[in-house]
Amino acid sequence: MPAINLWLSYEDRYDLIMDNAEPDNEYVIDTYGKKLFSMYPDRCLKVLANAADRQARTSKNRRDYKYIARTLKKIAAHPGGKEIAAELAAKYRAQYPRRSAMIDELKRF
C-alpha cells in the first residue's frame, strides 16, 4: 500500500490516500498528515482515534501503552483534538481498570 500512496501523492490524489488511511491506518496519516489534515481534519482525527482504539484492545504491556499515549498526543496536537484525546483516555481508564500501567501512561490526558 505505501507504494501506491507515494504514486497518488505525485498525482495529487489525496482523496484516495485518505480512503487508504481509513478506518485505522495511522501510518498513512503520519506520512501524509500535513496535507491530509489541511483537507480532511475530521476524517484524520477519526483514523487516529480508531487506531488508538485498536491499540488499546490489543495492548498487553507498558511499551504498547506508551504507543497509545503517543497516538493520543498526535490527536491532541490538532485543533479540537485535546477533547477527543481526553475522552479516549477516560474511556480506556473506564474500560480497562485493571491495567494499572495503561492508567499510569494515560494520566496526563
N, C-alpha and C. Protein backbone atom coordinates (compact mmCIF):
# COMPACT_ATOMS: atom_id res chain seq x y z
N MET A 1 0.80 -1.20 0.00
CA MET A 1 0.00 0.00 0.00
C MET A 1 0.85 1.28 0.00
N PRO A 2 2.01 1.32 0.69
CA PRO A 2 2.78 2.57 0.69
C PRO A 2 3.22 3.00 -0.70
N ALA A 3 3.52 2.05 -1.58
CA ALA A 3 3.97 2.43 -2.93
C ALA A 3 2.85 3.14 -3.69
N ILE A 4 1.64 2.66 -3.56
CA ILE A 4 0.53 3.30 -4.27
C ILE A 4 0.27 4.69 -3.69
N ASN A 5 0.43 4.85 -2.38
CA ASN A 5 0.22 6.16 -1.78
C ASN A 5 1.24 7.17 -2.27
N LEU A 6 2.48 6.73 -2.46
CA LEU A 6 3.51 7.62 -2.99
C LEU A 6 3.12 8.08 -4.40
N TRP A 7 2.70 7.16 -5.21
CA TRP A 7 2.28 7.50 -6.57
C TRP A 7 1.07 8.43 -6.54
N LEU A 8 0.11 8.14 -5.68
CA LEU A 8 -1.07 9.00 -5.57
C LEU A 8 -0.70 10.41 -5.11
N SER A 9 0.33 10.52 -4.26
CA SER A 9 0.74 11.86 -3.82
C SER A 9 1.34 12.66 -4.98
N TYR A 10 2.05 11.97 -5.88
CA TYR A 10 2.57 12.66 -7.07
C TYR A 10 1.43 13.15 -7.95
N GLU A 11 0.35 12.41 -7.97
CA GLU A 11 -0.81 12.76 -8.80
C GLU A 11 -1.78 13.70 -8.09
N ASP A 12 -1.45 14.11 -6.84
CA ASP A 12 -2.33 14.96 -6.02
C ASP A 12 -3.70 14.34 -5.80
N ARG A 13 -3.74 13.03 -5.60
CA ARG A 13 -4.99 12.32 -5.32
C ARG A 13 -5.07 12.01 -3.83
N TYR A 14 -5.10 13.07 -3.03
CA TYR A 14 -5.13 12.89 -1.58
C TYR A 14 -6.47 12.33 -1.11
N ASP A 15 -7.50 12.44 -1.94
CA ASP A 15 -8.78 11.82 -1.58
C ASP A 15 -8.62 10.29 -1.52
N LEU A 16 -7.88 9.72 -2.46
CA LEU A 16 -7.66 8.27 -2.45
C LEU A 16 -6.69 7.85 -1.35
N ILE A 17 -5.71 8.70 -1.05
CA ILE A 17 -4.81 8.40 0.06
C ILE A 17 -5.59 8.38 1.37
N MET A 18 -6.53 9.32 1.52
CA MET A 18 -7.36 9.35 2.72
C MET A 18 -8.22 8.10 2.80
N ASP A 19 -8.74 7.65 1.66
CA ASP A 19 -9.51 6.40 1.65
C ASP A 19 -8.65 5.22 2.09
N ASN A 20 -7.36 5.22 1.69
CA ASN A 20 -6.45 4.15 2.09
C ASN A 20 -6.15 4.20 3.59
N ALA A 21 -6.21 5.38 4.19
CA ALA A 21 -5.92 5.52 5.61
C ALA A 21 -7.07 4.99 6.48
N GLU A 22 -8.29 5.09 5.98
CA GLU A 22 -9.44 4.67 6.78
C GLU A 22 -9.55 3.16 6.79
N PRO A 23 -9.96 2.52 7.86
CA PRO A 23 -10.50 3.11 9.09
C PRO A 23 -9.45 3.40 10.15
N ASP A 24 -8.28 2.71 10.15
CA ASP A 24 -7.36 2.92 11.28
C ASP A 24 -5.88 2.81 10.92
N ASN A 25 -5.51 3.22 9.73
CA ASN A 25 -4.11 3.12 9.30
C ASN A 25 -3.39 4.43 9.62
N GLU A 26 -2.89 4.54 10.85
CA GLU A 26 -2.27 5.80 11.28
C GLU A 26 -0.95 6.06 10.58
N TYR A 27 -0.35 5.04 9.96
CA TYR A 27 0.92 5.25 9.26
C TYR A 27 0.74 6.15 8.05
N VAL A 28 -0.38 6.05 7.39
CA VAL A 28 -0.66 6.95 6.26
C VAL A 28 -0.81 8.38 6.76
N ILE A 29 -1.47 8.54 7.89
CA ILE A 29 -1.64 9.88 8.47
C ILE A 29 -0.27 10.44 8.89
N ASP A 30 0.59 9.58 9.45
CA ASP A 30 1.93 10.03 9.84
C ASP A 30 2.71 10.52 8.63
N THR A 31 2.57 9.81 7.51
CA THR A 31 3.36 10.14 6.32
C THR A 31 2.82 11.36 5.59
N TYR A 32 1.51 11.43 5.41
CA TYR A 32 0.90 12.49 4.61
C TYR A 32 0.03 13.42 5.44
N GLY A 33 0.25 13.44 6.74
CA GLY A 33 -0.62 14.16 7.66
C GLY A 33 -0.75 15.64 7.41
N LYS A 34 0.33 16.30 7.07
CA LYS A 34 0.27 17.75 6.88
C LYS A 34 -0.76 18.11 5.80
N LYS A 35 -0.67 17.43 4.69
CA LYS A 35 -1.60 17.70 3.59
C LYS A 35 -3.00 17.17 3.91
N LEU A 36 -3.07 15.95 4.46
CA LEU A 36 -4.38 15.36 4.75
C LEU A 36 -5.14 16.14 5.81
N PHE A 37 -4.44 16.61 6.86
CA PHE A 37 -5.13 17.36 7.90
C PHE A 37 -5.64 18.69 7.38
N SER A 38 -4.96 19.28 6.41
CA SER A 38 -5.46 20.55 5.86
C SER A 38 -6.72 20.32 5.03
N MET A 39 -6.86 19.13 4.45
CA MET A 39 -8.00 18.84 3.59
C MET A 39 -9.13 18.12 4.33
N TYR A 40 -8.79 17.18 5.21
CA TYR A 40 -9.79 16.32 5.88
C TYR A 40 -9.50 16.22 7.38
N PRO A 41 -9.62 17.31 8.13
CA PRO A 41 -9.22 17.24 9.55
C PRO A 41 -10.05 16.26 10.37
N ASP A 42 -11.36 16.25 10.16
CA ASP A 42 -12.22 15.35 10.96
C ASP A 42 -11.96 13.89 10.64
N ARG A 43 -11.78 13.58 9.37
CA ARG A 43 -11.50 12.19 8.98
C ARG A 43 -10.16 11.73 9.52
N CYS A 44 -9.17 12.61 9.52
CA CYS A 44 -7.84 12.25 10.05
C CYS A 44 -7.91 11.97 11.55
N LEU A 45 -8.62 12.82 12.28
CA LEU A 45 -8.78 12.59 13.72
C LEU A 45 -9.50 11.28 13.98
N LYS A 46 -10.48 10.96 13.15
CA LYS A 46 -11.22 9.71 13.31
C LYS A 46 -10.30 8.50 13.06
N VAL A 47 -9.43 8.59 12.06
CA VAL A 47 -8.48 7.50 11.78
C VAL A 47 -7.56 7.29 12.98
N LEU A 48 -7.04 8.38 13.54
CA LEU A 48 -6.15 8.26 14.69
C LEU A 48 -6.90 7.72 15.91
N ALA A 49 -8.15 8.14 16.10
CA ALA A 49 -8.95 7.62 17.21
C ALA A 49 -9.22 6.13 17.04
N ASN A 50 -9.53 5.71 15.83
CA ASN A 50 -9.74 4.28 15.57
C ASN A 50 -8.46 3.48 15.82
N ALA A 51 -7.32 4.06 15.43
CA ALA A 51 -6.04 3.38 15.65
C ALA A 51 -5.77 3.24 17.15
N ALA A 52 -6.08 4.28 17.92
CA ALA A 52 -5.89 4.21 19.38
C ALA A 52 -6.80 3.15 19.99
N ASP A 53 -8.04 3.06 19.50
CA ASP A 53 -8.96 2.03 19.99
C ASP A 53 -8.41 0.64 19.71
N ARG A 54 -7.91 0.43 18.51
CA ARG A 54 -7.33 -0.88 18.16
C ARG A 54 -6.14 -1.19 19.04
N GLN A 55 -5.29 -0.19 19.25
CA GLN A 55 -4.11 -0.39 20.09
C GLN A 55 -4.52 -0.73 21.53
N ALA A 56 -5.55 -0.06 22.04
CA ALA A 56 -6.00 -0.31 23.42
C ALA A 56 -6.54 -1.73 23.56
N ARG A 57 -7.23 -2.20 22.53
CA ARG A 57 -7.77 -3.57 22.59
C ARG A 57 -6.67 -4.62 22.61
N THR A 58 -5.61 -4.39 21.86
CA THR A 58 -4.59 -5.43 21.67
C THR A 58 -3.35 -5.26 22.54
N SER A 59 -3.24 -4.15 23.25
CA SER A 59 -2.02 -3.90 24.02
C SER A 59 -1.96 -4.78 25.26
N LYS A 60 -0.72 -5.14 25.61
CA LYS A 60 -0.50 -6.05 26.73
C LYS A 60 0.58 -5.59 27.70
N ASN A 61 1.40 -4.61 27.31
CA ASN A 61 2.50 -4.20 28.19
C ASN A 61 2.71 -2.69 28.12
N ARG A 62 3.60 -2.20 28.97
CA ARG A 62 3.81 -0.75 29.09
C ARG A 62 4.29 -0.13 27.77
N ARG A 63 5.11 -0.84 27.01
CA ARG A 63 5.56 -0.30 25.72
C ARG A 63 4.37 -0.03 24.81
N ASP A 64 3.41 -0.95 24.78
CA ASP A 64 2.20 -0.75 23.99
C ASP A 64 1.39 0.44 24.51
N TYR A 65 1.34 0.58 25.83
CA TYR A 65 0.58 1.68 26.42
C TYR A 65 1.23 3.03 26.10
N LYS A 66 2.56 3.05 26.03
CA LYS A 66 3.25 4.28 25.64
C LYS A 66 2.93 4.64 24.20
N TYR A 67 2.76 3.62 23.36
CA TYR A 67 2.39 3.86 21.97
C TYR A 67 0.99 4.48 21.89
N ILE A 68 0.08 4.01 22.73
CA ILE A 68 -1.26 4.60 22.79
C ILE A 68 -1.15 6.07 23.20
N ALA A 69 -0.32 6.34 24.21
CA ALA A 69 -0.14 7.72 24.67
C ALA A 69 0.42 8.60 23.55
N ARG A 70 1.34 8.07 22.74
CA ARG A 70 1.87 8.83 21.61
C ARG A 70 0.78 9.13 20.59
N THR A 71 -0.08 8.14 20.35
CA THR A 71 -1.18 8.37 19.40
C THR A 71 -2.13 9.44 19.94
N LEU A 72 -2.43 9.39 21.22
CA LEU A 72 -3.30 10.42 21.81
C LEU A 72 -2.63 11.79 21.76
N LYS A 73 -1.31 11.82 21.89
CA LYS A 73 -0.59 13.09 21.79
C LYS A 73 -0.69 13.66 20.38
N LYS A 74 -0.62 12.79 19.37
CA LYS A 74 -0.80 13.24 17.99
C LYS A 74 -2.20 13.83 17.80
N ILE A 75 -3.19 13.17 18.38
CA ILE A 75 -4.57 13.67 18.27
C ILE A 75 -4.68 15.03 18.94
N ALA A 76 -4.11 15.17 20.13
CA ALA A 76 -4.23 16.41 20.90
C ALA A 76 -3.51 17.58 20.24
N ALA A 77 -2.58 17.30 19.35
CA ALA A 77 -1.81 18.36 18.70
C ALA A 77 -2.62 19.13 17.65
N HIS A 78 -3.79 18.65 17.32
CA HIS A 78 -4.60 19.29 16.28
C HIS A 78 -5.80 20.00 16.88
N PRO A 79 -6.33 20.99 16.18
CA PRO A 79 -7.49 21.72 16.71
C PRO A 79 -8.66 20.78 17.02
N GLY A 80 -9.18 20.90 18.22
CA GLY A 80 -10.27 20.05 18.65
C GLY A 80 -9.83 18.69 19.12
N GLY A 81 -8.56 18.40 19.04
CA GLY A 81 -8.05 17.09 19.38
C GLY A 81 -7.86 16.85 20.86
N LYS A 82 -7.64 17.93 21.63
CA LYS A 82 -7.43 17.75 23.07
C LYS A 82 -8.65 17.11 23.72
N GLU A 83 -9.84 17.55 23.32
CA GLU A 83 -11.06 16.98 23.88
C GLU A 83 -11.21 15.51 23.49
N ILE A 84 -10.91 15.21 22.24
CA ILE A 84 -11.02 13.82 21.77
C ILE A 84 -10.03 12.93 22.51
N ALA A 85 -8.80 13.40 22.67
CA ALA A 85 -7.78 12.61 23.38
C ALA A 85 -8.20 12.38 24.84
N ALA A 86 -8.74 13.42 25.48
CA ALA A 86 -9.18 13.27 26.87
C ALA A 86 -10.34 12.28 26.98
N GLU A 87 -11.27 12.34 26.01
CA GLU A 87 -12.40 11.40 26.02
C GLU A 87 -11.91 9.96 25.83
N LEU A 88 -10.97 9.77 24.91
CA LEU A 88 -10.45 8.43 24.66
C LEU A 88 -9.72 7.89 25.89
N ALA A 89 -8.90 8.75 26.53
CA ALA A 89 -8.16 8.31 27.72
C ALA A 89 -9.14 7.94 28.84
N ALA A 90 -10.18 8.73 29.01
CA ALA A 90 -11.18 8.41 30.04
C ALA A 90 -11.90 7.11 29.71
N LYS A 91 -12.18 6.90 28.43
CA LYS A 91 -12.83 5.65 28.01
C LYS A 91 -11.95 4.44 28.31
N TYR A 92 -10.65 4.56 28.04
CA TYR A 92 -9.74 3.44 28.28
C TYR A 92 -9.58 3.18 29.78
N ARG A 93 -9.54 4.26 30.57
CA ARG A 93 -9.43 4.07 32.02
C ARG A 93 -10.66 3.35 32.56
N ALA A 94 -11.84 3.67 32.02
CA ALA A 94 -13.07 3.02 32.47
C ALA A 94 -13.17 1.59 31.94
N GLN A 95 -12.73 1.39 30.72
CA GLN A 95 -12.85 0.09 30.07
C GLN A 95 -11.85 -0.92 30.62
N TYR A 96 -10.65 -0.46 30.99
CA TYR A 96 -9.58 -1.35 31.43
C TYR A 96 -9.07 -0.92 32.80
N PRO A 97 -9.89 -1.02 33.85
CA PRO A 97 -9.46 -0.53 35.17
C PRO A 97 -8.33 -1.35 35.79
N ARG A 98 -8.13 -2.57 35.34
CA ARG A 98 -7.10 -3.42 35.94
C ARG A 98 -5.74 -3.26 35.27
N ARG A 99 -5.68 -2.47 34.22
CA ARG A 99 -4.40 -2.22 33.54
C ARG A 99 -3.76 -0.98 34.15
N SER A 100 -3.13 -1.15 35.30
CA SER A 100 -2.58 -0.01 36.03
C SER A 100 -1.48 0.71 35.24
N ALA A 101 -0.70 -0.03 34.47
CA ALA A 101 0.34 0.61 33.67
C ALA A 101 -0.27 1.50 32.59
N MET A 102 -1.38 1.06 32.01
CA MET A 102 -2.06 1.89 31.00
C MET A 102 -2.60 3.16 31.66
N ILE A 103 -3.20 3.00 32.81
CA ILE A 103 -3.75 4.17 33.51
C ILE A 103 -2.62 5.15 33.85
N ASP A 104 -1.48 4.61 34.24
CA ASP A 104 -0.33 5.45 34.55
C ASP A 104 0.16 6.22 33.32
N GLU A 105 0.21 5.56 32.18
CA GLU A 105 0.67 6.22 30.95
C GLU A 105 -0.32 7.26 30.44
N LEU A 106 -1.59 7.08 30.73
CA LEU A 106 -2.62 7.98 30.20
C LEU A 106 -3.02 9.07 31.20
N LYS A 107 -2.32 9.19 32.32
CA LYS A 107 -2.76 10.14 33.34
C LYS A 107 -2.64 11.60 32.92
N ARG A 108 -1.84 11.93 31.93
CA ARG A 108 -1.71 13.34 31.54
C ARG A 108 -2.80 13.79 30.55
N PHE A 109 -3.68 12.89 30.20
CA PHE A 109 -4.75 13.26 29.26
C PHE A 109 -6.08 13.44 29.97
